[in-house]
Amino acid sequence: MNILRLLLLISASQGFIFGAVILLSPFFRTKTNNYLGYSIVLLSVLMLNMFMDSIGVFDTYKELNILDDIEWVFLFPVMVFFYITKLINNDIHNSKKLKWLYVPIAISILLNIIFTIEVDYGFNILNIEEYYSIIFEIEEISYYMFNLLLMIWLYVLIKKTPLIGNEENVKWVRLLWSSMFVITILWIVLGSIEFFWIEEEYVFEGVLVVVLSFFIYWIFYNGIYRLKLAKDQKEILEILNKKNFSLRKENSEHQIDENVETKNNHEVLEGFSRDNRYFKKLEFMLYDQYVYRDPDLSRDLVAEELGISPGYLSQIVNSITDKNFSAYINSFRVEEVKQMIVDPEFHKYSLLAIGLEAGFKSKTTFYKTFKKETGSTPSEFRKERQ
């Protein structure tokens, strides 16, 4: 049990630190992230209460019992609910009706205050002392059901809401929900087993402690990683907006006419050379408008902008560059990443943040494409240039 107590204390402390970083740091503090911070702090409170209960603090100091008796598990899933709904930008988070989600924790606080005053201090308010055992059994069943129903509701909202953002954000929402759902089911199962086999309560409590400890560590690592990545991307974008990176090689600039005209939106067949009017327009979009920074850029979107068919666009790019459309676009992204890597102003930022701001949609695509283009991984390239 000493190891479990130590694990509880470490995990609770770690959670408080993580929550404080989110809630107090100007770099990470946003309305959305605040709910994540509140969630972690509440989970840390629960684990700290478990630690203090295991060492007999609540037995020694009866006046502190109310801190343990209030069922914070009514509030924790509400914070998670608001965090995920705001993260996926679902309109439901603006509904005033969601204030009703705070009713269970409000009832729990009021109930336990009355219980403490009546039982611990001997003041009769409602004079229902004989009913408390039934009331608290109902409360226990309620918080299990409340957590499960909120997790199911979140699943429905996530499935119905188009997740706008990069691949990393989508993975984070799904991973977070999946982890929370598994832990909720495990908690309900362990609670049910403990109810029927009281003599095994320390075993099942130990299992839950281990799982929660690793969960806090996981969310701590991934949360800090994601928040740092988001901060890096924001700052990189600000720098890129101030700088005018030129990806053209010296002595090889082309005069690009941005006002390419088409006749009745029909393709004008001409030679596949760099003088091709559509290729020159494409170069303008890439060199001067930096359209490759859009991770959702596609051949169809570019073809529509040029007023030609996707097939004809592929013919142009393949014939002139000896690359397919995706490879050609990615070559611009790689070139910009290379420029950022050698620029001292970007040295403090992670390579992934640089790659994502250059237009790559995921870490895997970024590293695979960069090595294919340069023969080195981004980290190897950075080391060689420093």
Protein backbone atom coordinates (compact mmCIF):
# COMPACT_ATOMS: atom_id res chain seq x y z
CA MET A 1 0.00 0.00 0.00
CA ASN A 2 2.96 2.34 0.58
CA ILE A 3 3.76 2.25 -3.15
CA LEU A 4 0.16 3.05 -4.03
CA ARG A 5 0.13 5.95 -1.59
CA LEU A 6 3.32 7.33 -3.11
CA LEU A 7 1.84 6.92 -6.59
CA LEU A 8 -1.29 8.77 -5.51
CA LEU A 9 0.71 11.65 -4.07
CA ILE A 10 3.00 11.94 -7.11
CA SER A 11 0.09 11.78 -9.56
CA ALA A 12 -1.97 14.34 -7.65
CA SER A 13 1.02 16.71 -7.42
CA GLN A 14 1.76 16.26 -11.11
CA GLY A 15 -1.87 17.01 -11.96
CA PHE A 16 -1.92 20.20 -9.88
CA ILE A 17 1.25 21.41 -11.63
CA PHE A 18 -0.17 20.66 -15.08
CA GLY A 19 -3.47 22.35 -14.22
CA ALA A 20 -1.65 25.42 -12.91
CA VAL A 21 0.44 25.64 -16.11
CA ILE A 22 -2.71 25.67 -18.26
CA LEU A 23 -4.75 28.01 -16.07
CA LEU A 24 -2.02 30.53 -15.21
CA SER A 25 0.34 30.60 -18.18
CA PRO A 26 -0.49 33.39 -20.69
CA PHE A 27 0.83 31.16 -23.50
CA PHE A 28 -1.61 28.32 -22.87
CA ARG A 29 -4.58 30.04 -21.23
CA THR A 30 -7.65 30.02 -23.48
CA LYS A 31 -11.34 29.43 -22.79
CA THR A 32 -11.06 25.95 -24.27
CA ASN A 33 -7.83 24.98 -22.50
CA ASN A 34 -9.17 26.27 -19.18
CA TYR A 35 -11.69 23.42 -19.12
CA LEU A 36 -8.85 20.94 -19.58
CA GLY A 37 -7.04 22.63 -16.70
CA TYR A 38 -10.12 22.40 -14.46
CA SER A 39 -10.53 18.72 -15.38
CA ILE A 40 -6.97 17.87 -14.38
CA VAL A 41 -7.20 19.86 -11.14
CA LEU A 42 -10.44 18.04 -10.21
CA LEU A 43 -8.90 14.65 -10.98
CA SER A 44 -5.95 15.64 -8.80
CA VAL A 45 -8.34 16.63 -5.98
CA LEU A 46 -9.96 13.18 -6.18
CA MET A 47 -6.58 11.45 -6.00
CA LEU A 48 -5.39 13.70 -3.18
CA ASN A 49 -8.56 12.83 -1.23
CA MET A 50 -7.83 9.14 -1.80
CA PHE A 51 -4.29 9.68 -0.50
CA MET A 52 -5.43 11.56 2.62
CA ASP A 53 -8.09 8.94 3.30
CA SER A 54 -5.48 6.14 3.04
CA ILE A 55 -3.24 7.76 5.67
CA GLY A 56 -6.16 8.53 8.02
CA VAL A 57 -6.29 12.33 7.67
CA PHE A 58 -10.08 12.37 7.56
CA ASP A 59 -10.30 10.16 10.63
CA THR A 60 -8.01 12.49 12.59
CA TYR A 61 -9.51 15.75 11.37
CA LYS A 62 -13.27 15.20 11.18
CA GLU A 63 -13.90 18.77 10.01
CA LEU A 64 -12.15 17.95 6.71
CA ASN A 65 -14.55 15.11 5.92
CA ILE A 66 -16.73 17.39 3.81
CA LEU A 67 -13.88 17.73 1.29
CA ASP A 68 -13.90 13.98 0.82
CA ASP A 69 -17.67 13.52 1.03
CA ILE A 70 -18.52 15.96 -1.78
CA GLU A 71 -18.67 13.88 -4.95
CA TRP A 72 -16.35 15.81 -7.26
CA VAL A 73 -16.93 13.06 -9.83
CA PHE A 74 -20.13 14.93 -10.67
CA LEU A 75 -18.08 17.96 -11.78
CA PHE A 76 -15.10 16.29 -13.49
CA PRO A 77 -17.05 14.90 -16.52
CA VAL A 78 -18.77 18.28 -16.98
CA MET A 79 -15.38 19.97 -17.41
CA VAL A 80 -14.31 17.26 -19.87
CA PHE A 81 -17.62 17.67 -21.72
CA PHE A 82 -17.13 21.43 -22.14
CA TYR A 83 -13.48 21.00 -23.16
CA ILE A 84 -14.24 18.51 -25.93
CA THR A 85 -17.35 20.31 -27.25
CA LYS A 86 -15.41 23.58 -27.48
CA LEU A 87 -12.42 21.80 -29.04
CA ILE A 88 -14.57 20.32 -31.81
CA ASN A 89 -16.41 23.65 -32.08
CA ASN A 90 -19.85 22.12 -31.57
CA ASP A 91 -22.52 24.79 -31.14
CA ILE A 92 -24.00 23.00 -28.15
CA HIS A 93 -21.35 24.48 -25.84
CA ASN A 94 -23.14 27.85 -26.23
CA SER A 95 -26.47 26.47 -25.01
CA LYS A 96 -27.69 27.97 -21.74
CA LYS A 97 -29.43 24.68 -20.96
CA LEU A 98 -26.03 23.12 -20.25
CA LYS A 99 -26.03 24.95 -16.92
CA TRP A 100 -28.23 22.08 -15.72
CA LEU A 101 -25.11 19.89 -15.84
CA TYR A 102 -23.97 21.67 -12.67
CA VAL A 103 -27.08 20.63 -10.74
CA PRO A 104 -25.73 17.21 -9.55
CA ILE A 105 -22.58 18.72 -8.00
CA ALA A 106 -24.64 21.52 -6.45
CA ILE A 107 -26.97 18.96 -4.85
CA SER A 108 -23.99 16.94 -3.62
CA ILE A 109 -22.38 19.99 -2.01
CA LEU A 110 -25.64 21.05 -0.34
CA LEU A 111 -26.41 17.52 0.85
CA ASN A 112 -22.98 17.03 2.39
CA ILE A 113 -22.99 20.42 4.07
CA ILE A 114 -26.31 19.54 5.74
CA PHE A 115 -24.97 16.08 6.64
CA THR A 116 -21.81 17.56 8.21
CA ILE A 117 -23.79 20.12 10.21
CA GLU A 118 -26.28 17.53 11.47
CA VAL A 119 -23.98 14.56 12.11
CA ASP A 120 -20.61 16.11 12.97
CA TYR A 121 -21.83 19.24 14.73
CA GLY A 122 -25.17 18.01 16.10
CA PHE A 123 -27.41 20.73 14.64
CA ASN A 124 -30.74 19.47 13.34
CA ILE A 125 -31.76 21.08 10.03
CA LEU A 126 -33.84 18.52 8.14
CA ASN A 127 -33.78 15.84 10.86
CA ILE A 128 -33.38 13.02 8.31
CA GLU A 129 -30.40 11.24 9.84
CA GLU A 130 -32.02 7.82 9.44
CA TYR A 131 -32.36 8.34 5.68
CA TYR A 132 -28.75 9.28 4.94
CA SER A 133 -27.64 5.73 4.13
CA ILE A 134 -30.32 5.45 1.43
CA ILE A 135 -29.63 8.96 0.12
CA PHE A 136 -25.91 8.30 -0.24
CA GLU A 137 -26.52 4.96 -1.99
CA ILE A 138 -28.70 6.80 -4.51
CA GLU A 139 -25.98 9.42 -4.88
CA GLU A 140 -23.37 6.72 -5.60
CA ILE A 141 -25.51 5.12 -8.30
CA SER A 142 -26.22 8.59 -9.73
CA TYR A 143 -22.61 9.60 -10.22
CA TYR A 144 -21.84 6.34 -12.04
CA MET A 145 -24.80 6.89 -14.37
CA PHE A 146 -24.07 10.60 -14.81
CA ASN A 147 -20.49 9.96 -15.95
CA LEU A 148 -21.51 7.18 -18.32
CA LEU A 149 -24.33 9.20 -19.91
CA LEU A 150 -22.08 12.21 -20.48
CA MET A 151 -19.47 9.98 -22.17
CA ILE A 152 -22.16 8.53 -24.46
CA TRP A 153 -23.47 12.01 -25.25
CA LEU A 154 -19.95 13.16 -26.12
CA TYR A 155 -19.55 10.20 -28.47
CA VAL A 156 -22.73 11.18 -30.33
CA LEU A 157 -21.57 14.81 -30.63
CA ILE A 158 -18.11 13.83 -31.86
CA LYS A 159 -19.59 11.53 -34.51
CA LYS A 160 -22.02 14.18 -35.74
CA THR A 161 -19.63 17.13 -35.72
CA PRO A 162 -17.26 17.61 -38.67
CA LEU A 163 -13.87 17.87 -36.99
CA ILE A 164 -12.25 20.94 -38.50
CA GLY A 165 -8.50 21.06 -37.99
CA ASN A 166 -5.37 19.07 -38.64
CA GLU A 167 -4.92 15.37 -38.19
CA GLU A 168 -3.24 15.80 -34.80
CA ASN A 169 -6.31 17.57 -33.36
CA VAL A 170 -8.65 14.88 -34.64
CA LYS A 171 -6.49 12.15 -33.09
CA TRP A 172 -6.32 14.00 -29.77
CA VAL A 173 -10.12 14.34 -29.46
CA ARG A 174 -10.70 10.68 -30.27
CA LEU A 175 -7.89 9.41 -28.05
CA LEU A 176 -9.02 11.56 -25.13
CA TRP A 177 -12.64 10.42 -25.41
CA SER A 178 -11.64 6.76 -25.83
CA SER A 179 -9.37 6.91 -22.76
CA MET A 180 -12.06 8.61 -20.69
CA PHE A 181 -14.69 6.08 -21.75
CA VAL A 182 -12.48 3.07 -20.92
CA ILE A 183 -11.62 4.54 -17.51
CA THR A 184 -15.31 5.27 -16.82
CA ILE A 185 -16.29 1.67 -17.64
CA LEU A 186 -13.41 0.32 -15.55
CA TRP A 187 -14.42 2.56 -12.63
CA ILE A 188 -18.06 1.36 -12.81
CA VAL A 189 -17.01 -2.31 -13.02
CA LEU A 190 -14.58 -1.99 -10.10
CA GLY A 191 -17.17 -0.12 -8.06
CA SER A 192 -19.73 -2.85 -8.71
CA ILE A 193 -17.28 -5.61 -7.75
CA GLU A 194 -16.28 -3.72 -4.61
CA PHE A 195 -19.95 -3.39 -3.65
CA PHE A 196 -20.42 -7.17 -3.72
CA TRP A 197 -16.95 -8.17 -2.46
CA ILE A 198 -16.11 -5.64 0.23
CA GLU A 199 -13.12 -7.61 1.49
CA GLU A 200 -11.36 -6.96 -1.83
CA GLU A 201 -11.81 -3.18 -1.87
CA TYR A 202 -8.10 -2.38 -1.51
CA VAL A 203 -7.24 -4.58 -4.47
CA PHE A 204 -9.74 -2.86 -6.74
CA GLU A 205 -8.84 0.58 -5.41
CA GLY A 206 -5.21 -0.22 -6.21
CA VAL A 207 -6.10 -1.08 -9.82
CA LEU A 208 -7.96 2.20 -10.24
CA VAL A 209 -5.10 4.17 -8.67
CA VAL A 210 -2.57 2.68 -11.10
CA VAL A 211 -4.80 3.38 -14.10
CA LEU A 212 -5.53 6.97 -13.04
CA SER A 213 -1.85 7.61 -12.33
CA PHE A 214 -0.83 6.54 -15.80
CA PHE A 215 -3.76 8.48 -17.26
CA ILE A 216 -2.64 11.71 -15.57
CA TYR A 217 0.91 11.12 -16.80
CA TRP A 218 -0.39 10.44 -20.33
CA ILE A 219 -2.62 13.50 -20.42
CA PHE A 220 0.15 15.57 -18.84
CA TYR A 221 2.64 14.60 -21.54
CA ASN A 222 0.23 14.85 -24.46
CA GLY A 223 -1.39 18.02 -23.13
CA ILE A 224 1.92 19.84 -22.68
CA TYR A 225 3.10 18.53 -26.04
CA ARG A 226 -0.03 19.70 -27.83
CA LEU A 227 -0.11 23.06 -26.07
CA LYS A 228 3.55 23.66 -26.89
CA LEU A 229 2.92 22.61 -30.49
CA ALA A 230 -0.05 25.00 -30.79
CA LYS A 231 1.99 27.84 -29.28
CA ASP A 232 4.89 27.16 -31.66
CA GLN A 233 2.62 27.06 -34.70
CA LYS A 234 0.98 30.35 -33.74
CA GLU A 235 4.33 32.12 -33.33
CA ILE A 236 5.75 30.58 -36.53
CA LEU A 237 2.72 31.81 -38.48
CA GLU A 238 3.21 35.33 -37.08
CA ILE A 239 6.87 35.28 -38.17
CA LEU A 240 5.99 33.91 -41.63
CA ASN A 241 3.40 36.67 -42.08
CA LYS A 242 6.11 39.26 -41.42
CA LYS A 243 8.74 37.59 -43.59
CA ASN A 244 8.51 37.16 -47.33
CA PHE A 245 10.30 33.91 -47.96
CA SER A 246 11.32 33.58 -51.59
CA LEU A 247 11.63 30.02 -52.78
CA ARG A 248 12.88 31.04 -56.22
CA LYS A 249 16.47 30.25 -57.02
CA GLU A 250 18.79 33.11 -57.92
CA ASN A 251 18.80 34.10 -61.59
CA SER A 252 15.80 31.91 -62.24
CA GLU A 253 12.87 34.21 -61.53
CA HIS A 254 10.01 34.09 -63.95
CA GLN A 255 7.63 36.90 -64.61
CA ILE A 256 4.33 35.32 -63.66
CA ASP A 257 1.11 36.80 -64.92
CA GLU A 258 -1.46 36.43 -62.15
CA ASN A 259 -4.27 37.42 -64.50
CA VAL A 260 -4.42 34.39 -66.73
CA GLU A 261 -7.53 34.56 -68.85
CA THR A 262 -9.45 31.59 -70.18
CA LYS A 263 -11.90 31.47 -73.03
CA ASN A 264 -15.34 30.45 -71.78
CA ASN A 265 -13.62 28.41 -69.07
CA HIS A 266 -12.25 25.99 -71.72
CA GLU A 267 -8.70 24.71 -71.58
CA VAL A 268 -6.33 26.31 -74.04
CA LEU A 269 -4.06 23.57 -75.28
CA GLU A 270 -0.46 24.71 -75.63
CA GLY A 271 3.03 23.33 -75.16
CA PHE A 272 3.99 21.75 -71.90
CA SER A 273 6.79 24.15 -71.00
CA ARG A 274 7.42 26.66 -68.22
CA ASP A 275 5.85 29.26 -70.49
CA ASN A 276 2.53 27.45 -70.29
CA ARG A 277 0.07 30.07 -69.03
CA TYR A 278 -1.53 27.73 -66.51
CA PHE A 279 1.80 26.59 -65.14
CA LYS A 280 2.86 30.23 -64.75
CA LYS A 281 -0.37 30.92 -62.86
CA LEU A 282 0.32 27.87 -60.68
CA GLU A 283 3.82 29.18 -59.97
CA PHE A 284 2.37 32.53 -58.97
CA MET A 285 0.01 30.80 -56.54
CA LEU A 286 2.91 28.87 -55.03
CA TYR A 287 5.72 31.43 -55.03
CA ASP A 288 3.72 34.55 -54.24
CA GLN A 289 0.53 33.38 -52.53
CA TYR A 290 2.08 30.46 -50.59
CA VAL A 291 -0.97 28.26 -51.20
CA TYR A 292 1.12 25.16 -50.34
CA ARG A 293 0.85 26.20 -46.66
CA ASP A 294 -2.77 25.06 -46.74
CA PRO A 295 -2.72 21.40 -45.56
CA ASP A 296 -6.06 20.81 -47.33
CA LEU A 297 -4.80 22.02 -50.71
CA SER A 298 -5.80 19.54 -53.41
CA ARG A 299 -5.44 19.09 -57.14
CA ASP A 300 -9.16 19.68 -57.62
CA LEU A 301 -9.09 23.00 -55.74
CA VAL A 302 -6.10 24.27 -57.73
CA ALA A 303 -7.62 23.12 -61.03
CA GLU A 304 -10.83 24.96 -60.18
CA GLU A 305 -8.86 28.12 -59.40
CA LEU A 306 -7.03 27.84 -62.74
CA GLY A 307 -10.23 27.11 -64.66
CA ILE A 308 -9.01 23.80 -66.05
CA SER A 309 -9.70 20.14 -65.38
CA PRO A 310 -7.77 18.19 -62.74
CA GLY A 311 -6.55 15.81 -65.44
CA TYR A 312 -5.10 18.61 -67.56
CA LEU A 313 -3.43 20.10 -64.47
CA SER A 314 -1.76 16.74 -63.79
CA GLN A 315 -0.52 16.59 -67.39
CA ILE A 316 1.03 20.05 -67.09
CA VAL A 317 2.76 19.36 -63.78
CA ASN A 318 3.96 15.86 -64.77
CA SER A 319 5.37 17.00 -68.12
CA ILE A 320 7.15 20.12 -66.84
CA THR A 321 8.41 18.98 -63.42
CA ASP A 322 8.60 15.18 -63.80
CA LYS A 323 6.61 15.00 -60.56
CA ASN A 324 3.00 14.29 -59.78
CA PHE A 325 0.89 17.09 -58.31
CA SER A 326 1.28 16.04 -54.65
CA ALA A 327 5.04 15.60 -54.93
CA TYR A 328 5.39 19.00 -56.62
CA ILE A 329 3.42 20.77 -53.88
CA ASN A 330 5.34 18.93 -51.17
CA SER A 331 8.63 20.06 -52.72
CA PHE A 332 7.65 23.65 -51.90
CA ARG A 333 6.80 22.68 -48.35
CA VAL A 334 10.14 20.92 -47.94
CA GLU A 335 11.98 23.92 -49.36
CA GLU A 336 10.26 26.26 -46.90
CA VAL A 337 11.03 23.92 -44.01
CA LYS A 338 14.69 23.93 -45.04
CA GLN A 339 14.71 27.73 -45.03
CA MET A 340 13.12 27.86 -41.59
CA ILE A 341 15.55 25.28 -40.19
CA VAL A 342 18.59 27.35 -41.17
CA ASP A 343 17.00 30.64 -40.05
CA PRO A 344 18.07 31.41 -36.42
CA GLU A 345 14.67 32.98 -35.76
CA PHE A 346 13.07 29.51 -35.92
CA HIS A 347 15.68 27.58 -33.92
CA LYS A 348 13.61 27.53 -30.72
CA TYR A 349 10.60 25.87 -32.38
CA SER A 350 9.96 22.15 -32.76
CA LEU A 351 10.50 20.58 -36.16
CA LEU A 352 6.95 19.26 -36.21
CA ALA A 353 5.51 22.75 -35.65
CA ILE A 354 7.65 24.03 -38.53
CA GLY A 355 6.51 21.20 -40.79
CA LEU A 356 2.83 21.69 -40.00
CA GLU A 357 3.01 25.43 -40.66
CA ALA A 358 4.70 24.74 -43.99
CA GLY A 359 1.57 22.84 -44.99
CA PHE A 360 2.15 19.20 -44.07
CA LYS A 361 -0.95 17.59 -42.65
CA SER A 362 0.67 15.15 -40.23
CA LYS A 363 3.97 14.22 -38.63
CA THR A 364 4.20 11.00 -40.66
CA THR A 365 3.74 12.73 -44.02
CA PHE A 366 6.19 15.48 -43.05
CA TYR A 367 9.05 13.17 -42.01
CA LYS A 368 8.51 10.72 -44.88
CA THR A 369 8.38 13.43 -47.55
CA PHE A 370 11.30 15.41 -46.14
CA LYS A 371 13.59 12.37 -46.12
CA LYS A 372 12.52 11.42 -49.64
CA GLU A 373 13.33 14.94 -50.91
CA THR A 374 16.57 15.55 -49.02
CA GLY A 375 17.91 12.13 -48.04
CA SER A 376 17.91 13.23 -44.38
CA THR A 377 15.36 13.41 -41.61
CA PRO A 378 14.45 16.93 -40.42
CA SER A 379 16.47 16.42 -37.21
CA GLU A 380 19.51 15.21 -39.17
CA PHE A 381 19.20 18.18 -41.51
CA ARG A 382 19.05 20.59 -38.54
CA LYS A 383 22.16 19.05 -36.94
CA GLU A 384 24.08 19.27 -40.20
CA ARG A 385 23.25 22.97 -40.58
CA GLN A 386 23.99 24.06 -37.00
